[in-house]
Amino acid sequence: MPTTALDTLHSIARLHACAIAFENLNPLLRLPVSLDLASIEQKLVVDRRGGYCFEQNRLLAEALTEIGFKVTALAARVLWNSPDDAITSRSHMLLKVDTDDGVQIADVGFGGLTLTGAIDLQADIAQPTPHEPFRLVQDNGDWRMQALVQDEWKTLYRFDLQPQHPIDYEAPNYFLSTHPTSHFVNNLIAARALPDRRLALLNRQFTVHRLGGPSERRELAASAEIRDVLVREFLIALPEHPDLDRRLDELP
């Protein structure tokens, strides 16, 4: 069967989420997060690290553009664990991708609920992905991204279709990576999507969410065990940093 552009988009998103972990070790270690393309490619590809939305989706956007897709960068207000009408900052990056089969939304940078495919820009339709069903809800010109989690539709974020430029992500990236109240500065977060499960790490709690089955949770004791999980389960080549073990041991 011939491969369509949409098939290619789905495959790239799925493989990206499996191969490159979501992680925030740089903010945790008080290291800068650079958003220029050369730095992102060095970190995520050459150094075999991971990153968060601005890095992950910038890399995906460049790869898709290189093979002929029309890609538009967008910004979203994260609403996870907040009311749907909350006014939060535009602190998340996602992508609009134009294909012959219609406009698609792609997002390989939302941690434990990262899209492992792409979904049509259509409202009120439950759309399957390799993991949870997702849907978009339209409200007064905005779109809300939702995922079906434990039989309940949960809103991840709200966005519009205003194109964004690289400079538009610099301020939110600086806040998320340096501000003393940022959850990326104060917590260890990692996520990876495998074909039959999702892996998630929040500080010391390592969780395996199996598709169609119960979740398994394990508390990690000390830095050596956290290191092992980051390397073995999330495929992260850990940075050589003198404070890494201390920061891991200090996690709540």
Protein backbone atom coordinates (compact mmCIF):
# COMPACT_ATOMS: atom_id res chain seq x y z
CA MET A 1 0.00 0.00 0.00
CA PRO A 2 1.47 3.42 -0.94
CA THR A 3 2.53 5.62 1.94
CA THR A 4 0.75 8.97 2.07
CA ALA A 5 2.12 12.17 3.55
CA LEU A 6 -0.30 11.75 6.43
CA ASP A 7 1.01 8.23 7.11
CA THR A 8 4.52 9.67 7.17
CA LEU A 9 3.51 12.40 9.61
CA HIS A 10 1.91 9.86 11.95
CA SER A 11 4.96 7.59 11.82
CA ILE A 12 7.45 10.39 12.50
CA ALA A 13 5.46 11.66 15.49
CA ARG A 14 5.13 8.14 16.93
CA LEU A 15 8.81 7.30 16.49
CA HIS A 16 9.94 10.68 17.83
CA ALA A 17 7.98 10.22 21.06
CA CYS A 18 9.50 6.78 21.50
CA ALA A 19 13.09 7.73 20.71
CA ILE A 20 13.53 11.14 22.39
CA ALA A 21 12.40 11.51 25.99
CA PHE A 22 10.72 14.53 27.47
CA GLU A 23 13.02 15.72 30.29
CA ASN A 24 14.01 18.85 32.21
CA LEU A 25 17.49 18.09 33.54
CA ASN A 26 18.90 21.42 32.35
CA PRO A 27 16.53 23.59 34.44
CA LEU A 28 16.92 21.21 37.39
CA LEU A 29 20.70 21.66 37.19
CA ARG A 30 20.42 25.42 36.58
CA LEU A 31 21.78 25.01 33.06
CA PRO A 32 20.48 27.17 30.17
CA VAL A 33 17.98 25.83 27.64
CA SER A 34 19.03 27.14 24.24
CA LEU A 35 16.41 27.25 21.50
CA ASP A 36 18.58 27.83 18.45
CA LEU A 37 18.40 24.89 16.07
CA ALA A 38 22.08 23.95 16.31
CA SER A 39 21.88 23.68 20.11
CA ILE A 40 18.69 21.62 19.96
CA GLU A 41 20.14 19.20 17.41
CA GLN A 42 23.34 18.85 19.45
CA LYS A 43 21.44 18.15 22.67
CA LEU A 44 18.58 15.93 21.49
CA VAL A 45 20.26 14.10 18.61
CA VAL A 46 24.05 14.10 19.04
CA ASP A 47 24.23 14.09 22.85
CA ARG A 48 21.25 11.69 23.16
CA ARG A 49 19.46 13.86 25.70
CA GLY A 50 15.82 14.91 25.75
CA GLY A 51 14.04 18.19 26.25
CA TYR A 52 10.70 19.91 26.66
CA CYS A 53 8.16 21.37 24.25
CA PHE A 54 10.17 24.23 22.76
CA GLU A 55 13.05 21.89 21.94
CA GLN A 56 11.03 18.84 20.95
CA ASN A 57 8.60 20.59 18.64
CA ARG A 58 11.25 22.87 17.10
CA LEU A 59 13.20 19.74 16.13
CA LEU A 60 10.07 18.07 14.75
CA ALA A 61 9.11 21.21 12.82
CA GLU A 62 12.51 21.43 11.15
CA ALA A 63 12.47 17.74 10.21
CA LEU A 64 8.97 17.97 8.73
CA THR A 65 9.81 21.15 6.83
CA GLU A 66 12.95 19.54 5.42
CA ILE A 67 10.94 16.73 3.83
CA GLY A 68 8.33 19.03 2.34
CA PHE A 69 5.59 19.65 4.91
CA LYS A 70 4.19 23.11 5.51
CA VAL A 71 4.52 23.66 9.26
CA THR A 72 3.26 26.54 11.39
CA ALA A 73 4.41 26.94 14.99
CA LEU A 74 1.66 27.75 17.50
CA ALA A 75 1.46 28.63 21.20
CA ALA A 76 -0.87 27.32 23.89
CA ARG A 77 -1.98 28.10 27.43
CA VAL A 78 -1.51 24.97 29.56
CA LEU A 79 -4.68 24.03 31.45
CA TRP A 80 -3.77 20.60 32.84
CA ASN A 81 -5.19 20.44 36.40
CA SER A 82 -6.67 23.94 35.92
CA PRO A 83 -10.19 25.13 35.00
CA ASP A 84 -10.86 25.31 31.27
CA ASP A 85 -11.39 29.08 31.50
CA ALA A 86 -8.19 29.79 33.44
CA ILE A 87 -5.93 32.48 32.01
CA THR A 88 -2.45 31.04 32.00
CA SER A 89 0.61 32.17 30.08
CA ARG A 90 1.37 30.98 26.55
CA SER A 91 3.99 28.54 27.77
CA HIS A 92 3.58 25.62 25.37
CA MET A 93 4.57 25.07 21.74
CA LEU A 94 2.66 22.88 19.27
CA LEU A 95 2.52 22.59 15.48
CA LYS A 96 -0.03 22.99 12.70
CA VAL A 97 0.86 20.83 9.70
CA ASP A 98 -0.87 21.22 6.33
CA THR A 99 -1.32 18.01 4.33
CA ASP A 100 -3.34 16.96 1.28
CA ASP A 101 -5.66 15.20 3.75
CA GLY A 102 -6.34 18.38 5.71
CA VAL A 103 -4.82 20.40 8.53
CA GLN A 104 -3.23 18.36 11.30
CA ILE A 105 -2.07 19.19 14.82
CA ALA A 106 1.18 17.61 16.00
CA ASP A 107 2.78 17.89 19.43
CA VAL A 108 5.65 15.73 20.65
CA GLY A 109 6.36 17.92 23.67
CA PHE A 110 3.59 17.51 26.25
CA GLY A 111 5.28 15.11 28.64
CA GLY A 112 3.21 12.18 29.82
CA LEU A 113 0.39 12.94 27.37
CA THR A 114 2.47 13.73 24.32
CA LEU A 115 0.64 13.06 21.06
CA THR A 116 2.03 9.90 19.45
CA GLY A 117 0.46 10.73 16.11
CA ALA A 118 -1.28 13.74 14.62
CA ILE A 119 -4.95 14.70 14.79
CA ASP A 120 -7.24 16.49 12.36
CA LEU A 121 -8.05 20.11 13.12
CA GLN A 122 -11.74 19.30 13.52
CA ALA A 123 -13.96 19.92 16.51
CA ASP A 124 -15.80 17.41 18.68
CA ILE A 125 -14.48 14.23 17.07
CA ALA A 126 -12.76 11.58 19.18
CA GLN A 127 -9.64 10.66 17.24
CA PRO A 128 -7.59 7.52 17.89
CA THR A 129 -3.84 7.66 18.40
CA PRO A 130 -1.42 4.83 19.19
CA HIS A 131 -2.18 5.62 22.84
CA GLU A 132 -5.20 7.55 24.22
CA PRO A 133 -8.01 8.98 22.09
CA PHE A 134 -7.69 12.76 21.68
CA ARG A 135 -10.15 15.40 20.56
CA LEU A 136 -10.35 19.13 19.89
CA VAL A 137 -13.12 21.32 21.26
CA GLN A 138 -13.70 24.75 19.72
CA ASP A 139 -14.83 27.63 21.89
CA ASN A 140 -15.05 31.31 20.85
CA GLY A 141 -12.28 30.99 18.30
CA ASP A 142 -9.96 29.01 20.54
CA TRP A 143 -9.27 25.29 20.46
CA ARG A 144 -8.93 23.04 23.50
CA MET A 145 -6.84 19.88 23.24
CA GLN A 146 -8.29 17.03 25.28
CA ALA A 147 -7.27 13.44 26.00
CA LEU A 148 -9.45 10.59 27.26
CA VAL A 149 -7.86 9.67 30.61
CA GLN A 150 -9.54 7.03 32.77
CA ASP A 151 -12.81 7.44 30.84
CA GLU A 152 -12.87 11.23 31.31
CA TRP A 153 -12.00 13.92 28.79
CA LYS A 154 -9.24 16.05 30.34
CA THR A 155 -8.14 19.38 28.87
CA LEU A 156 -4.42 19.70 28.26
CA TYR A 157 -4.24 23.23 26.86
CA ARG A 158 -6.00 25.95 24.90
CA PHE A 159 -4.60 27.47 21.69
CA ASP A 160 -5.42 29.54 18.64
CA LEU A 161 -4.00 29.51 15.12
CA GLN A 162 -1.88 32.68 15.35
CA PRO A 163 1.52 31.79 13.85
CA GLN A 164 4.48 32.08 16.21
CA HIS A 165 8.10 32.92 15.50
CA PRO A 166 11.20 31.65 17.33
CA ILE A 167 11.48 34.89 19.28
CA ASP A 168 7.97 34.35 20.69
CA TYR A 169 9.21 31.35 22.69
CA GLU A 170 12.27 33.02 24.21
CA ALA A 171 10.49 34.73 27.14
CA PRO A 172 8.39 31.72 28.24
CA ASN A 173 11.40 29.46 27.82
CA TYR A 174 13.49 31.74 30.04
CA PHE A 175 10.78 31.78 32.71
CA LEU A 176 10.26 28.00 32.66
CA SER A 177 13.97 27.24 32.76
CA THR A 178 15.13 29.81 35.34
CA HIS A 179 12.34 31.22 37.52
CA PRO A 180 12.47 29.96 41.13
CA THR A 181 8.74 29.09 41.04
CA SER A 182 8.91 27.11 37.79
CA HIS A 183 7.97 23.45 38.15
CA PHE A 184 10.81 22.62 35.75
CA VAL A 185 13.34 24.23 38.11
CA ASN A 186 12.02 22.49 41.23
CA ASN A 187 11.11 19.01 40.00
CA LEU A 188 12.50 16.20 37.91
CA ILE A 189 10.14 15.31 35.06
CA ALA A 190 10.64 12.70 32.36
CA ALA A 191 8.32 10.90 29.95
CA ARG A 192 8.59 8.47 27.04
CA ALA A 193 5.92 6.71 24.94
CA LEU A 194 6.53 3.09 23.96
CA PRO A 195 4.20 1.10 21.67
CA ASP A 196 2.35 -0.60 24.55
CA ARG A 197 2.89 1.79 27.45
CA ARG A 198 3.82 5.25 28.64
CA LEU A 199 6.67 5.87 31.06
CA ALA A 200 6.55 8.80 33.49
CA LEU A 201 8.89 10.04 36.18
CA LEU A 202 8.02 12.81 38.64
CA ASN A 203 10.80 13.32 41.13
CA ARG A 204 11.17 9.87 42.74
CA GLN A 205 7.93 8.31 41.50
CA PHE A 206 8.40 6.15 38.41
CA THR A 207 5.14 5.07 36.75
CA VAL A 208 4.44 2.67 33.90
CA HIS A 209 1.01 3.27 32.32
CA ARG A 210 0.17 0.14 30.29
CA LEU A 211 -2.38 0.44 27.50
CA GLY A 212 -5.59 -1.24 28.58
CA GLY A 213 -4.10 -2.30 31.91
CA PRO A 214 -3.32 -1.06 35.39
CA SER A 215 -0.54 1.43 36.08
CA GLU A 216 2.52 0.32 38.02
CA ARG A 217 4.20 2.77 40.41
CA ARG A 218 7.56 2.55 42.12
CA GLU A 219 9.31 4.94 44.49
CA LEU A 220 12.97 5.41 43.65
CA ALA A 221 15.26 5.57 46.66
CA ALA A 222 18.44 7.49 45.85
CA SER A 223 20.40 9.09 43.04
CA ALA A 224 21.87 5.81 41.79
CA GLU A 225 18.41 4.32 41.25
CA ILE A 226 17.09 7.50 39.62
CA ARG A 227 20.12 7.57 37.32
CA ASP A 228 19.52 3.96 36.33
CA VAL A 229 15.87 4.60 35.43
CA LEU A 230 16.73 7.74 33.42
CA VAL A 231 19.33 5.83 31.41
CA ARG A 232 17.67 2.43 31.05
CA GLU A 233 13.99 3.37 30.72
CA PHE A 234 14.16 6.87 29.21
CA LEU A 235 17.32 6.32 27.10
CA ILE A 236 18.86 9.57 28.35
CA ALA A 237 22.62 10.02 28.22
CA LEU A 238 23.03 11.89 31.49
CA PRO A 239 25.03 15.12 31.50
CA GLU A 240 28.35 15.15 33.28
CA HIS A 241 27.54 17.68 35.98
CA PRO A 242 29.06 17.94 39.47
CA ASP A 243 25.68 18.67 41.09
CA LEU A 244 23.65 15.92 39.40
CA ASP A 245 23.72 13.39 42.25
CA ARG A 246 23.11 16.08 44.86
CA ARG A 247 20.08 17.44 42.99
CA LEU A 248 18.69 13.92 42.53
CA ASP A 249 19.17 13.09 46.21
CA GLU A 250 17.38 16.33 47.19
CA LEU A 251 14.22 15.48 45.22
CA PRO A 252 11.08 15.28 47.36
